Amino acid sequence: MTHHDKVVIQGIKEDGSKLRPSDWIERISSTLASFGHDQRLQYSTSVKPCMIEGQKCLVVARCLEETHPDVYQFVMAFATSNNLKIQADRRQGERALPCPVPTTEG
């Protein structure tokens, strides 16, 4: 998977203003999160909050469109309707958000 397989949605609108409420990224991220054995919240491998260059962002793996199409459409419609800045995730290596490889049983 390449870094173009993920998008970054910034908490900044196209006009430069911040989206309110300021915790919208955590709210969206938590919809696909679950609690682990240690009773701590674990974010999905497809949608995560992230700080990039000091800016709070939501990183979305494009594979979410296949694994959870309704969630992907909701997130992208939310970002578009709120005029949020959306760009390709250019981070690489360990900093990049992985997308789980689908397994086939046979």
C-alpha atoms as a PDB file:
ATOM      1  CA  MET A   1       0.000   0.000   0.000  1.00  0.00           C
ATOM      2  CA  THR A   2       1.333   3.413  -0.885  1.00  0.00           C
ATOM      3  CA  HIS A   3       1.009   6.629   1.086  1.00  0.00           C
ATOM      4  CA  HIS A   4      -1.607   7.779  -1.461  1.00  0.00           C
ATOM      5  CA  ASP A   5      -3.941   5.149  -0.049  1.00  0.00           C
ATOM      6  CA  LYS A   6      -4.684   7.420   2.884  1.00  0.00           C
ATOM      7  CA  VAL A   7      -6.112  10.894   3.203  1.00  0.00           C
ATOM      8  CA  VAL A   8      -5.532  13.501   5.877  1.00  0.00           C
ATOM      9  CA  ILE A   9      -8.460  15.660   6.915  1.00  0.00           C
ATOM     10  CA  GLN A  10      -7.273  18.732   8.745  1.00  0.00           C
ATOM     11  CA  GLY A  11      -9.230  20.450  11.483  1.00  0.00           C
ATOM     12  CA  ILE A  12      -8.936  23.626   9.422  1.00  0.00           C
ATOM     13  CA  LYS A  13     -11.516  24.841   6.922  1.00  0.00           C
ATOM     14  CA  GLU A  14     -10.569  26.050   3.467  1.00  0.00           C
ATOM     15  CA  ASP A  15     -11.080  29.640   4.709  1.00  0.00           C
ATOM     16  CA  GLY A  16      -8.490  29.084   7.483  1.00  0.00           C
ATOM     17  CA  SER A  17     -10.932  28.898  10.403  1.00  0.00           C
ATOM     18  CA  LYS A  18     -11.070  25.944  12.794  1.00  0.00           C
ATOM     19  CA  LEU A  19     -14.036  23.594  12.863  1.00  0.00           C
ATOM     20  CA  ARG A  20     -16.012  23.594  16.104  1.00  0.00           C
ATOM     21  CA  PRO A  21     -16.498  21.649  18.255  1.00  0.00           C
ATOM     22  CA  SER A  22     -12.762  21.120  18.464  1.00  0.00           C
ATOM     23  CA  ASP A  23     -13.118  17.459  19.491  1.00  0.00           C
ATOM     24  CA  TRP A  24     -14.771  16.340  16.230  1.00  0.00           C
ATOM     25  CA  ILE A  25     -11.697  14.288  15.296  1.00  0.00           C
ATOM     26  CA  GLU A  26     -11.840  12.267  18.520  1.00  0.00           C
ATOM     27  CA  ARG A  27     -15.583  11.806  18.131  1.00  0.00           C
ATOM     28  CA  ILE A  28     -15.261  10.388  14.621  1.00  0.00           C
ATOM     29  CA  SER A  29     -12.214   8.260  15.532  1.00  0.00           C
ATOM     30  CA  SER A  30     -13.983   6.740  18.509  1.00  0.00           C
ATOM     31  CA  THR A  31     -16.877   5.447  16.388  1.00  0.00           C
ATOM     32  CA  LEU A  32     -14.612   2.685  15.047  1.00  0.00           C
ATOM     33  CA  ALA A  33     -12.489   2.306  18.178  1.00  0.00           C
ATOM     34  CA  SER A  34     -12.775  -0.518  20.682  1.00  0.00           C
ATOM     35  CA  PHE A  35     -11.490  -1.264  24.136  1.00  0.00           C
ATOM     36  CA  GLY A  36      -8.556  -3.657  24.324  1.00  0.00           C
ATOM     37  CA  HIS A  37      -7.750  -6.258  26.951  1.00  0.00           C
ATOM     38  CA  ASP A  38      -6.079  -3.518  28.976  1.00  0.00           C
ATOM     39  CA  GLN A  39      -9.378  -1.555  28.998  1.00  0.00           C
ATOM     40  CA  ARG A  40      -7.762   1.240  26.984  1.00  0.00           C
ATOM     41  CA  LEU A  41      -9.304   2.704  23.865  1.00  0.00           C
ATOM     42  CA  GLN A  42      -7.655   1.391  20.705  1.00  0.00           C
ATOM     43  CA  TYR A  43      -8.306   3.284  17.494  1.00  0.00           C
ATOM     44  CA  SER A  44      -9.139   1.467  14.286  1.00  0.00           C
ATOM     45  CA  THR A  45      -6.281   0.855  11.875  1.00  0.00           C
ATOM     46  CA  SER A  46      -8.373   2.700   9.263  1.00  0.00           C
ATOM     47  CA  VAL A  47      -9.311   5.936  11.083  1.00  0.00           C
ATOM     48  CA  LYS A  48      -7.024   7.650  13.589  1.00  0.00           C
ATOM     49  CA  PRO A  49      -6.501  11.063  15.108  1.00  0.00           C
ATOM     50  CA  CYS A  50      -3.036  12.416  14.485  1.00  0.00           C
ATOM     51  CA  MET A  51      -0.894  15.503  14.967  1.00  0.00           C
ATOM     52  CA  ILE A  52       0.853  16.531  11.755  1.00  0.00           C
ATOM     53  CA  GLU A  53       3.089  19.593  11.857  1.00  0.00           C
ATOM     54  CA  GLY A  54       1.349  20.759  15.035  1.00  0.00           C
ATOM     55  CA  GLN A  55      -2.112  20.469  13.484  1.00  0.00           C
ATOM     56  CA  LYS A  56      -4.787  18.078  14.751  1.00  0.00           C
ATOM     57  CA  CYS A  57      -5.893  15.854  11.848  1.00  0.00           C
ATOM     58  CA  LEU A  58      -7.921  12.777  11.038  1.00  0.00           C
ATOM     59  CA  VAL A  59      -6.110  10.162   8.935  1.00  0.00           C
ATOM     60  CA  VAL A  60      -8.399   7.891   6.933  1.00  0.00           C
ATOM     61  CA  ALA A  61      -7.213   4.806   5.056  1.00  0.00           C
ATOM     62  CA  ARG A  62      -8.934   4.555   1.682  1.00  0.00           C
ATOM     63  CA  CYS A  63      -9.520   0.837   2.261  1.00  0.00           C
ATOM     64  CA  LEU A  64     -12.244   1.990   4.659  1.00  0.00           C
ATOM     65  CA  GLU A  65     -14.287   2.609   1.527  1.00  0.00           C
ATOM     66  CA  GLU A  66     -14.288  -1.159   0.950  1.00  0.00           C
ATOM     67  CA  THR A  67     -14.403  -2.430   4.534  1.00  0.00           C
ATOM     68  CA  HIS A  68     -16.940   0.090   5.910  1.00  0.00           C
ATOM     69  CA  PRO A  69     -18.383   2.023   2.938  1.00  0.00           C
ATOM     70  CA  ASP A  70     -21.055   3.771   5.022  1.00  0.00           C
ATOM     71  CA  VAL A  71     -18.464   5.067   7.489  1.00  0.00           C
ATOM     72  CA  TYR A  72     -16.135   6.176   4.689  1.00  0.00           C
ATOM     73  CA  GLN A  73     -18.959   8.031   2.943  1.00  0.00           C
ATOM     74  CA  PHE A  74     -20.018   9.666   6.227  1.00  0.00           C
ATOM     75  CA  VAL A  75     -16.488  10.843   7.044  1.00  0.00           C
ATOM     76  CA  MET A  76     -15.827  12.200   3.554  1.00  0.00           C
ATOM     77  CA  ALA A  77     -19.259  13.870   3.343  1.00  0.00           C
ATOM     78  CA  PHE A  78     -18.673  15.421   6.786  1.00  0.00           C
ATOM     79  CA  ALA A  79     -15.301  16.800   5.669  1.00  0.00           C
ATOM     80  CA  THR A  80     -16.664  18.090   2.372  1.00  0.00           C
ATOM     81  CA  SER A  81     -19.798  19.674   3.840  1.00  0.00           C
ATOM     82  CA  ASN A  82     -17.692  21.469   6.457  1.00  0.00           C
ATOM     83  CA  ASN A  83     -15.175  22.679   3.839  1.00  0.00           C
ATOM     84  CA  LEU A  84     -12.289  20.958   5.628  1.00  0.00           C
ATOM     85  CA  LYS A  85      -8.881  20.694   3.999  1.00  0.00           C
ATOM     86  CA  ILE A  86      -8.337  17.196   2.586  1.00  0.00           C
ATOM     87  CA  GLN A  87      -5.049  15.973   1.141  1.00  0.00           C
ATOM     88  CA  ALA A  88      -3.151  12.766   0.455  1.00  0.00           C
ATOM     89  CA  ASP A  89      -1.162  11.386   3.394  1.00  0.00           C
ATOM     90  CA  ARG A  90       2.460  11.923   2.424  1.00  0.00           C
ATOM     91  CA  ARG A  91       3.960  10.366   5.546  1.00  0.00           C
ATOM     92  CA  GLN A  92       6.013   7.230   5.012  1.00  0.00           C
ATOM     93  CA  GLY A  93       7.477   4.376   7.029  1.00  0.00           C
ATOM     94  CA  GLU A  94       6.353   3.845  10.611  1.00  0.00           C
ATOM     95  CA  ARG A  95       4.543   7.191  10.691  1.00  0.00           C
ATOM     96  CA  ALA A  96       2.167   6.148   7.889  1.00  0.00           C
ATOM     97  CA  LEU A  97      -1.204   4.657   8.773  1.00  0.00           C
ATOM     98  CA  PRO A  98      -1.333   0.990   7.775  1.00  0.00           C
ATOM     99  CA  CYS A  99      -4.348  -0.518   6.090  1.00  0.00           C
ATOM    100  CA  PRO A 100      -5.075  -4.132   6.979  1.00  0.00           C
ATOM    101  CA  VAL A 101      -4.660  -6.565   4.132  1.00  0.00           C
ATOM    102  CA  PRO A 102      -7.870  -8.546   3.588  1.00  0.00           C
ATOM    103  CA  THR A 103      -7.457 -12.224   4.251  1.00  0.00           C
ATOM    104  CA  THR A 104      -9.083 -14.965   2.272  1.00  0.00           C
ATOM    105  CA  GLU A 105      -9.894 -18.280   3.807  1.00  0.00           C
ATOM    106  CA  GLY A 106      -9.742 -21.280   1.592  1.00  0.00           C
END
